[in-house]
């Protein structure tokens, strides 16, 4: 039987029953010694109304119970977070809310929301960053190793690259052999000046320890400064050759974008002309990208060395949600007084303000130094002024509208480096993590973000209930 006829059949039954109830005597019908009754239309209406009232009360009680449970859960998780060794120190409780919303909507909106993780040698080779990337891409989607320089300076475990051609390395950091520039560095605090031709070959890492999310690419972007309007570039894959990027800016800072129909494990970028090549982003579909940007030997004071207009234009080519600044460790041995700490923190406040100005939509997270050991009267112990430095950095970050996360507290505080070293989680210099230690610390940072996201989701549900 057709669905329409079935619906009509049941409608007729209901109408027939209603008619019978309407004409059936209210005092019933007697048959022998038995009496039969049917409910009247009025009785049915009252019963229905009563049932609806009971159901509404049940739903209301259920909502109140859920609201109460949500409030208790939020209170508990907030208290736990505020006392946890992996807590965030936030300028306000909803600091990362805009990022979480952007991450949730990134697939639907076909966006690649970026987290730029700057740091010193502690994050070299994609250490710490890789664990955060795994959490973000498992939770919100996305893939690929993220942002890389046009030529390898420090190898990464998450991607293989090789470059040929005549390129001059310009950098705001590094030893005296590095060529300096007048602020023309880009979002990686460095660039490669090309006068002629250059080729970059990118190949996915193949070893089993690498997360599967980074092993394929479908979205490639070259960010550049086209100094003479002569820049040309071609992207080749195993399957095809993309001769025309989406757009080429004739002059100034811009980006070329290639979106592949199918993901590839090998791409080759052939470029020629006169230009400064700032970076290449290697992603796989929409979602969240987490970029590892190590700056060996840096104290975090290099950002103001980049031309403000150029850095603003370069960030504008990227959809940046969070900028992580992991610095301070290289300065710890020299910060031996409160005055020296005050001077350093004042400088870091300027760096944070500068980044806010150049990338106003991004949230900033400052990740402070780990526990570090030095010898005092022949005994290894934490640098005496390290706790003072960390308290000052927390206050500085929050007063400049940035969040703070403490590796020192996540390790366990005073003299925790000694325990990490004994467990094989830190090196013999009592400064750097081993690979195992870096993975553990990266997982702790990811857990801190996961806790904050849970709080965000709970608060949103509570607000929705309150609005209803």
Protein backbone atom coordinates (compact mmCIF):
# COMPACT_ATOMS: atom_id res chain seq x y z
CA UNK A 1 0.00 0.00 0.00
CA UNK A 2 1.22 3.48 -0.87
CA UNK A 3 2.31 5.77 2.03
CA UNK A 4 -0.44 8.28 1.17
CA UNK A 5 -3.16 5.64 1.47
CA UNK A 6 -1.73 4.40 4.78
CA UNK A 7 -1.86 7.93 6.18
CA UNK A 8 -5.44 8.35 4.96
CA UNK A 9 -6.43 5.02 6.53
CA UNK A 10 -5.16 6.02 9.99
CA UNK A 11 -6.77 9.46 9.67
CA UNK A 12 -10.11 7.81 8.96
CA UNK A 13 -9.74 5.51 11.97
CA UNK A 14 -9.00 8.49 14.24
CA UNK A 15 -11.98 10.46 12.91
CA UNK A 16 -14.26 7.43 13.30
CA UNK A 17 -13.16 6.91 16.93
CA UNK A 18 -13.71 10.61 17.65
CA UNK A 19 -17.27 10.41 16.24
CA UNK A 20 -18.04 7.31 18.30
CA UNK A 21 -16.76 9.01 21.47
CA UNK A 22 -18.86 12.08 20.67
CA UNK A 23 -22.17 10.19 20.19
CA UNK A 24 -21.66 7.48 22.81
CA UNK A 25 -23.89 8.09 25.86
CA UNK A 26 -21.99 9.70 28.70
CA UNK A 27 -23.65 7.38 31.25
CA UNK A 28 -22.65 4.31 29.22
CA UNK A 29 -24.59 1.43 27.71
CA UNK A 30 -25.88 -1.54 29.70
CA UNK A 31 -25.86 -5.01 28.19
CA UNK A 32 -27.27 -7.50 30.61
CA UNK A 33 -25.37 -7.22 33.86
CA UNK A 34 -22.47 -5.34 32.29
CA UNK A 35 -22.06 -1.61 31.55
CA UNK A 36 -19.74 -0.20 28.91
CA UNK A 37 -18.24 3.30 28.87
CA UNK A 38 -16.18 5.33 26.42
CA UNK A 39 -14.30 8.54 27.23
CA UNK A 40 -15.87 11.73 25.99
CA UNK A 41 -14.08 14.24 23.78
CA UNK A 42 -13.74 16.46 26.88
CA UNK A 43 -12.16 13.60 28.86
CA UNK A 44 -9.70 12.94 26.06
CA UNK A 45 -8.76 16.63 25.88
CA UNK A 46 -8.24 16.80 29.66
CA UNK A 47 -6.16 13.61 29.60
CA UNK A 48 -4.05 14.92 26.72
CA UNK A 49 -3.60 18.28 28.47
CA UNK A 50 -2.62 16.54 31.70
CA UNK A 51 -0.15 14.29 29.86
CA UNK A 52 1.36 17.28 28.08
CA UNK A 53 1.70 19.12 31.39
CA UNK A 54 3.41 16.12 33.00
CA UNK A 55 5.73 15.79 29.99
CA UNK A 56 6.60 19.50 30.09
CA UNK A 57 7.34 19.25 33.82
CA UNK A 58 9.49 16.18 33.19
CA UNK A 59 11.43 17.99 30.44
CA UNK A 60 11.84 21.08 32.63
CA UNK A 61 13.11 18.95 35.53
CA UNK A 62 15.50 17.19 33.13
CA UNK A 63 16.84 20.52 31.83
CA UNK A 64 17.26 21.87 35.36
CA UNK A 65 19.12 18.70 36.33
CA UNK A 66 21.39 18.98 33.28
CA UNK A 67 22.02 22.69 33.95
CA UNK A 68 22.86 21.90 37.56
CA UNK A 69 25.13 19.06 36.49
CA UNK A 70 26.79 21.29 33.86
CA UNK A 71 27.34 24.06 36.40
CA UNK A 72 28.86 21.59 38.86
CA UNK A 73 31.07 20.09 36.12
CA UNK A 74 32.23 23.53 34.96
CA UNK A 75 33.00 24.55 38.54
CA UNK A 76 34.91 21.32 39.16
CA UNK A 77 36.88 21.46 35.90
CA UNK A 78 37.64 25.17 36.40
CA UNK A 79 38.92 24.51 39.93
CA UNK A 80 40.95 21.55 38.66
CA UNK A 81 42.39 23.60 35.80
CA UNK A 82 43.32 26.50 38.07
CA UNK A 83 45.31 24.19 40.34
CA UNK A 84 46.71 21.83 37.70
CA UNK A 85 50.40 21.68 36.82
CA UNK A 86 49.40 21.97 33.14
CA UNK A 87 47.02 24.90 33.55
CA UNK A 88 46.87 27.99 31.35
CA UNK A 89 47.23 31.41 32.92
CA UNK A 90 44.67 33.37 30.91
CA UNK A 91 43.88 37.09 30.59
CA UNK A 92 40.20 36.03 30.64
CA UNK A 93 38.40 32.69 30.90
CA UNK A 94 37.13 32.77 27.28
CA UNK A 95 40.47 33.76 25.77
CA UNK A 96 40.62 30.90 23.24
CA UNK A 97 36.88 30.86 22.43
CA UNK A 98 37.30 32.47 18.99
CA UNK A 99 39.90 29.88 18.06
CA UNK A 100 37.74 26.96 19.15
CA UNK A 101 34.83 28.23 17.06
CA UNK A 102 37.08 28.71 14.04
CA UNK A 103 38.56 25.21 14.47
CA UNK A 104 35.10 23.62 14.77
CA UNK A 105 33.88 25.34 11.59
CA UNK A 106 37.08 24.95 9.56
CA UNK A 107 35.96 21.88 7.58
CA UNK A 108 32.55 23.31 6.70
CA UNK A 109 34.03 26.69 5.77
CA UNK A 110 36.94 25.13 3.85
CA UNK A 111 39.45 27.00 6.00
CA UNK A 112 42.94 26.08 7.15
CA UNK A 113 43.25 27.67 10.59
CA UNK A 114 46.89 27.91 11.62
CA UNK A 115 48.76 27.64 14.91
CA UNK A 116 52.26 29.10 14.53
CA UNK A 117 54.62 27.58 17.11
CA UNK A 118 57.77 29.69 17.43
CA UNK A 119 60.49 28.56 19.80
CA UNK A 120 64.16 28.06 20.53
CA UNK A 121 66.12 24.81 20.15
CA UNK A 122 63.69 22.94 22.44
CA UNK A 123 61.26 22.60 19.50
CA UNK A 124 63.76 21.74 16.75
CA UNK A 125 62.93 18.79 14.47
CA UNK A 126 59.20 19.30 15.18
CA UNK A 127 59.59 18.33 18.81
CA UNK A 128 56.69 19.25 21.13
CA UNK A 129 54.83 20.78 18.15
CA UNK A 130 54.12 17.36 16.64
CA UNK A 131 52.12 16.21 19.67
CA UNK A 132 50.00 19.35 19.64
CA UNK A 133 49.40 18.86 15.90
CA UNK A 134 48.21 15.29 16.45
CA UNK A 135 45.59 16.45 18.98
CA UNK A 136 44.36 19.34 16.85
CA UNK A 137 44.08 17.36 13.62
CA UNK A 138 42.49 14.35 15.32
CA UNK A 139 39.91 16.65 16.90
CA UNK A 140 39.18 19.15 14.10
CA UNK A 141 40.60 17.66 10.89
CA UNK A 142 43.40 18.80 8.66
CA UNK A 143 46.77 17.36 7.77
CA UNK A 144 50.24 18.00 6.45
CA UNK A 145 53.40 19.13 8.27
CA UNK A 146 52.56 22.83 7.94
CA UNK A 147 54.92 25.73 7.31
CA UNK A 148 58.50 25.11 6.12
CA UNK A 149 61.26 27.38 4.81
CA UNK A 150 62.11 27.24 1.11
CA UNK A 151 65.46 25.68 2.04
CA UNK A 152 66.08 23.39 4.99
CA UNK A 153 67.99 24.99 7.85
CA UNK A 154 67.10 22.49 10.56
CA UNK A 155 65.79 19.04 9.51
CA UNK A 156 62.30 17.97 10.59
CA UNK A 157 61.10 14.49 11.50
CA UNK A 158 57.73 15.23 9.86
CA UNK A 159 58.77 16.12 6.30
CA UNK A 160 61.70 15.69 3.93
CA UNK A 161 62.81 18.51 1.63
CA UNK A 162 65.68 19.27 -0.70
CA UNK A 163 66.46 22.51 -2.51
CA UNK A 164 68.64 23.50 -5.44
CA UNK A 165 69.41 26.88 -6.96
CA UNK A 166 71.04 30.14 -6.00
CA UNK A 167 69.45 31.42 -2.79
CA UNK A 168 70.77 33.89 -0.22
CA UNK A 169 69.65 33.16 3.31
CA UNK A 170 68.42 36.27 5.14
CA UNK A 171 67.69 35.81 8.84
CA UNK A 172 66.95 37.85 11.93
CA UNK A 173 68.63 35.19 14.09
CA UNK A 174 71.67 32.94 13.94
CA UNK A 175 75.43 33.50 14.11
CA UNK A 176 77.48 36.12 12.29
CA UNK A 177 77.69 34.03 9.11
CA UNK A 178 74.00 34.65 8.40
CA UNK A 179 73.16 37.55 6.09
CA UNK A 180 71.03 40.23 7.72
CA UNK A 181 68.33 42.23 5.98
CA UNK A 182 66.58 45.49 6.74
CA UNK A 183 63.51 43.86 8.22
CA UNK A 184 62.62 41.80 5.14
CA UNK A 185 62.18 38.41 6.80
CA UNK A 186 58.57 37.18 6.75
CA UNK A 187 56.57 35.01 9.18
CA UNK A 188 59.44 32.58 9.82
CA UNK A 189 61.74 35.47 10.84
CA UNK A 190 63.87 34.59 7.81
CA UNK A 191 63.64 34.49 4.03
CA UNK A 192 65.53 33.31 0.95
CA UNK A 193 66.42 35.85 -1.70
CA UNK A 194 66.24 34.40 -5.20
CA UNK A 195 67.82 35.97 -8.26
CA UNK A 196 67.34 33.41 -11.00
CA UNK A 197 65.94 29.93 -10.42
CA UNK A 198 65.35 27.59 -7.50
CA UNK A 199 63.61 24.26 -6.98
CA UNK A 200 62.14 22.80 -3.82
CA UNK A 201 61.22 19.11 -3.62
CA UNK A 202 58.97 18.10 -0.72
CA UNK A 203 58.49 14.45 0.19
CA UNK A 204 56.33 13.03 2.97
CA UNK A 205 58.12 11.35 5.84
CA UNK A 206 57.75 7.60 5.57
CA UNK A 207 58.98 6.11 8.85
CA UNK A 208 56.40 4.48 11.10
CA UNK A 209 56.86 6.81 14.09
CA UNK A 210 55.51 9.80 12.14
CA UNK A 211 51.81 10.59 12.55
CA UNK A 212 49.74 9.62 9.51
CA UNK A 213 48.14 13.06 9.24
CA UNK A 214 51.38 14.61 7.90
CA UNK A 215 52.05 12.00 5.23
CA UNK A 216 50.07 13.58 2.38
CA UNK A 217 49.62 17.06 0.87
CA UNK A 218 46.83 18.69 -1.10
CA UNK A 219 47.16 22.41 -0.31
CA UNK A 220 50.44 24.18 -1.09
CA UNK A 221 51.03 27.91 -0.58
CA UNK A 222 54.15 29.95 -1.36
CA UNK A 223 54.36 33.26 0.54
CA UNK A 224 56.74 35.74 -1.08
CA UNK A 225 57.77 39.33 -1.65
CA UNK A 226 57.80 39.89 -5.43
CA UNK A 227 60.50 42.54 -5.59
CA UNK A 228 60.60 43.11 -9.35
CA UNK A 229 57.34 41.61 -10.59
CA UNK A 230 59.14 38.76 -12.37
CA UNK A 231 58.25 35.86 -10.04
CA UNK A 232 56.91 32.69 -11.68
CA UNK A 233 56.32 29.29 -10.14
CA UNK A 234 55.14 25.83 -11.18
CA UNK A 235 54.03 22.99 -8.93
CA UNK A 236 54.52 19.41 -10.12
CA UNK A 237 53.26 16.17 -8.61
CA UNK A 238 53.53 12.52 -9.64
CA UNK A 239 50.07 12.70 -11.21
CA UNK A 240 50.04 16.10 -12.89
CA UNK A 241 51.61 19.52 -13.31
CA UNK A 242 49.85 22.62 -12.01
CA UNK A 243 51.25 25.41 -14.20
CA UNK A 244 49.01 28.18 -12.93
CA UNK A 245 48.67 28.94 -9.23
CA UNK A 246 45.45 30.58 -8.13
CA UNK A 247 46.97 34.07 -8.23
CA UNK A 248 50.27 35.93 -8.52
CA UNK A 249 50.74 39.39 -7.06
CA UNK A 250 52.74 41.56 -9.44
CA UNK A 251 54.55 43.39 -6.67
CA UNK A 252 55.00 43.21 -2.90
CA UNK A 253 53.94 40.54 -0.41
CA UNK A 254 51.55 37.89 -1.69
CA UNK A 255 51.04 34.16 -2.02
CA UNK A 256 50.52 31.54 -4.70
CA UNK A 257 48.12 28.73 -3.88
CA UNK A 258 47.74 25.27 -5.39
CA UNK A 259 44.84 23.01 -4.43
CA UNK A 260 45.33 19.48 -5.72
CA UNK A 261 42.42 17.29 -6.76
CA UNK A 262 44.03 14.32 -5.01
CA UNK A 263 46.53 14.23 -2.18
CA UNK A 264 50.16 13.60 -3.06
CA UNK A 265 53.21 12.40 -1.13
CA UNK A 266 55.73 14.24 -3.35
CA UNK A 267 55.52 17.74 -4.82
CA UNK A 268 58.11 19.86 -6.61
CA UNK A 269 58.01 23.65 -6.62
CA UNK A 270 60.00 25.27 -9.44
CA UNK A 271 60.45 29.02 -9.06
CA UNK A 272 62.27 31.71 -11.01
CA UNK A 273 62.56 35.50 -10.96
CA UNK A 274 63.71 38.06 -8.41
CA UNK A 275 61.88 37.62 -5.13
CA UNK A 276 62.22 36.96 -1.42
CA UNK A 277 60.69 33.58 -0.59
CA UNK A 278 59.26 33.73 2.92
CA UNK A 279 57.79 30.28 3.47
CA UNK A 280 55.87 27.35 1.99
CA UNK A 281 52.82 25.90 3.76
CA UNK A 282 52.27 22.20 3.14
CA UNK A 283 48.78 21.13 4.25
CA UNK A 284 46.21 18.47 3.46
CA UNK A 285 42.67 19.76 3.20
CA UNK A 286 40.81 22.12 5.51
CA UNK A 287 41.11 21.89 9.27
CA UNK A 288 43.86 22.96 11.66
CA UNK A 289 47.53 23.33 10.66
CA UNK A 290 50.22 23.44 13.34
CA UNK A 291 53.53 24.96 12.19
CA UNK A 292 56.90 24.26 13.80
CA UNK A 293 59.19 27.33 13.56
CA UNK A 294 62.44 26.77 15.49
CA UNK A 295 64.82 29.70 16.01
CA UNK A 296 68.01 28.29 17.51
CA UNK A 297 69.69 30.47 20.13
CA UNK A 298 66.85 33.02 20.24
CA UNK A 299 65.50 34.71 23.33
CA UNK A 300 62.26 35.70 21.55
CA UNK A 301 63.27 39.30 20.87
CA UNK A 302 63.51 39.00 17.07
CA UNK A 303 59.94 39.87 16.07
CA UNK A 304 60.40 43.63 16.26
CA UNK A 305 63.33 43.26 13.85
CA UNK A 306 60.89 42.43 11.04
CA UNK A 307 59.44 45.32 9.06
CA UNK A 308 55.97 45.96 10.49
CA UNK A 309 54.26 46.44 7.14
CA UNK A 310 55.86 43.35 5.60
CA UNK A 311 55.08 41.15 8.61
CA UNK A 312 51.46 42.36 8.68
CA UNK A 313 51.10 41.64 4.96
CA UNK A 314 52.69 38.20 5.34
CA UNK A 315 50.42 37.21 8.24
CA UNK A 316 47.45 38.42 6.18
CA UNK A 317 48.21 35.64 3.65
CA UNK A 318 47.61 33.07 6.38
CA UNK A 319 44.55 32.28 8.51
CA UNK A 320 46.30 32.47 11.89
CA UNK A 321 44.34 31.46 14.99
CA UNK A 322 47.06 31.13 17.64
CA UNK A 323 50.70 32.22 17.83
CA UNK A 324 52.80 30.32 20.39
CA UNK A 325 56.02 31.94 21.64
CA UNK A 326 58.20 29.39 23.44
CA UNK A 327 61.21 31.34 24.70
CA UNK A 328 63.21 32.30 27.76
CA UNK A 329 65.48 29.29 28.20
CA UNK A 330 68.43 30.89 26.41
CA UNK A 331 68.24 33.92 28.70
CA UNK A 332 67.97 32.08 32.03
CA UNK A 333 71.75 31.82 32.71
CA UNK A 334 72.13 35.59 32.31
CA UNK A 335 69.12 36.73 34.32
CA UNK A 336 70.74 36.80 37.74
CA UNK A 337 68.92 39.76 39.27
CA UNK A 338 65.39 41.12 39.52
CA UNK A 339 66.44 44.14 37.46
CA UNK A 340 67.70 41.92 34.63
CA UNK A 341 64.45 39.92 34.74
CA UNK A 342 62.40 43.13 34.66
CA UNK A 343 64.33 44.34 31.60
CA UNK A 344 63.83 41.03 29.77
CA UNK A 345 60.10 40.87 30.57
CA UNK A 346 59.65 44.47 29.43
CA UNK A 347 61.25 43.51 26.11
CA UNK A 348 58.98 40.46 25.79
CA UNK A 349 55.95 42.65 26.43
CA UNK A 350 57.01 44.76 23.44
CA UNK A 351 57.31 41.63 21.29
CA UNK A 352 53.79 40.52 22.25
CA UNK A 353 52.36 43.97 21.51
CA UNK A 354 54.14 44.01 18.14
CA UNK A 355 52.70 40.62 17.15
CA UNK A 356 49.23 41.70 18.28
CA UNK A 357 49.55 44.73 16.00
CA UNK A 358 50.77 42.70 13.01
CA UNK A 359 48.31 39.82 13.48
CA UNK A 360 45.35 41.25 15.45
CA UNK A 361 43.01 38.27 15.04
CA UNK A 362 45.46 35.74 16.52
CA UNK A 363 45.56 34.75 20.18
CA UNK A 364 49.05 34.63 21.70
CA UNK A 365 50.29 31.93 24.05
CA UNK A 366 53.66 32.42 25.74
CA UNK A 367 55.30 29.14 26.75
CA UNK A 368 57.95 29.81 29.37
CA UNK A 369 61.25 28.01 30.04
CA UNK A 370 61.59 24.53 31.47
CA UNK A 371 63.37 23.75 34.69
CA UNK A 372 67.11 24.06 34.07
CA UNK A 373 69.97 22.93 36.29
CA UNK A 374 73.27 24.58 37.15
CA UNK A 375 75.99 23.76 39.65
CA UNK A 376 75.95 25.61 42.94
CA UNK A 377 78.82 24.69 45.27
CA UNK A 378 79.29 21.55 43.22
CA UNK A 379 75.64 20.47 43.45
CA UNK A 380 73.23 20.49 40.51
CA UNK A 381 70.10 22.50 41.22
CA UNK A 382 67.56 24.77 39.54
CA UNK A 383 68.83 28.21 38.49
CA UNK A 384 68.10 30.34 41.58
CA UNK A 385 66.20 33.13 39.76
CA UNK A 386 64.16 30.85 37.48
CA UNK A 387 60.96 30.84 39.62
CA UNK A 388 61.11 34.66 39.82
CA UNK A 389 61.49 34.85 36.03
CA UNK A 390 58.48 32.59 35.48
CA UNK A 391 56.23 34.60 37.82
CA UNK A 392 57.31 37.78 36.02
CA UNK A 393 56.65 36.25 32.58
CA UNK A 394 53.16 35.15 33.64
CA UNK A 395 52.35 38.68 34.79
CA UNK A 396 53.85 40.16 31.62
CA UNK A 397 51.96 37.85 29.27
CA UNK A 398 48.58 38.43 30.93
CA UNK A 399 49.05 42.20 31.16
CA UNK A 400 49.75 42.27 27.40
CA UNK A 401 46.66 40.19 26.56
CA UNK A 402 48.48 36.88 26.10
CA UNK A 403 48.03 33.50 27.77
CA UNK A 404 50.87 31.67 29.52
CA UNK A 405 51.75 27.99 29.84
CA UNK A 406 54.57 26.86 32.12
CA UNK A 407 56.84 24.00 31.16
CA UNK A 408 58.52 24.50 34.54
CA UNK A 409 55.29 23.69 36.40
CA UNK A 410 54.39 20.89 33.97
CA UNK A 411 57.73 19.21 34.73
CA UNK A 412 57.15 19.38 38.49
CA UNK A 413 58.83 22.63 39.51
CA UNK A 414 62.06 23.07 41.47
CA UNK A 415 64.77 20.50 40.63
CA UNK A 416 62.40 18.52 38.41
CA UNK A 417 65.02 18.52 35.63
CA UNK A 418 67.12 16.15 37.73
CA UNK A 419 64.25 13.63 37.83
CA UNK A 420 63.56 14.00 34.11
CA UNK A 421 67.23 13.36 33.39
CA UNK A 422 67.27 10.21 35.53
CA UNK A 423 64.27 8.87 33.62
CA UNK A 424 65.91 9.51 30.24
CA UNK A 425 63.54 12.37 29.47
CA UNK A 426 66.25 15.07 29.38
CA UNK A 427 69.80 15.31 28.09
CA UNK A 428 73.09 15.43 29.94
CA UNK A 429 73.15 19.23 29.66
CA UNK A 430 70.15 19.37 32.03
CA UNK A 431 68.53 21.87 29.63
CA UNK A 432 67.14 20.06 26.59
CA UNK A 433 64.60 17.25 26.50
CA UNK A 434 65.30 13.91 24.89
CA UNK A 435 62.92 12.90 22.10
CA UNK A 436 60.91 10.91 24.63
CA UNK A 437 60.83 13.88 26.99
CA UNK A 438 59.79 16.28 24.22
CA UNK A 439 56.95 13.93 23.25
CA UNK A 440 55.82 13.81 26.88
CA UNK A 441 55.90 17.59 27.17
CA UNK A 442 54.07 18.02 23.85
CA UNK A 443 51.37 15.65 25.10
CA UNK A 444 51.02 17.75 28.26
CA UNK A 445 50.57 20.92 26.18
CA UNK A 446 47.95 19.14 24.05
CA UNK A 447 46.17 18.00 27.23
CA UNK A 448 46.06 21.59 28.47
CA UNK A 449 44.35 22.63 25.23
CA UNK A 450 41.98 19.65 25.48
CA UNK A 451 40.94 20.68 29.02
CA UNK A 452 40.33 24.24 27.86
CA UNK A 453 38.23 23.01 24.94
CA UNK A 454 36.09 20.88 27.29
CA UNK A 455 35.43 23.95 29.42
CA UNK A 456 34.53 25.95 26.30
CA UNK A 457 32.02 23.30 25.18
CA UNK A 458 30.44 23.05 28.64
CA UNK A 459 30.06 26.83 28.96
CA UNK A 460 28.48 27.00 25.52
CA UNK A 461 25.91 24.32 26.43
CA UNK A 462 25.11 26.12 29.69
CA UNK A 463 24.63 29.42 27.84
CA UNK A 464 22.32 27.73 25.33
CA UNK A 465 20.19 26.34 28.16
CA UNK A 466 20.04 29.72 29.85
CA UNK A 467 18.98 31.40 26.60
CA UNK A 468 16.23 28.78 26.10
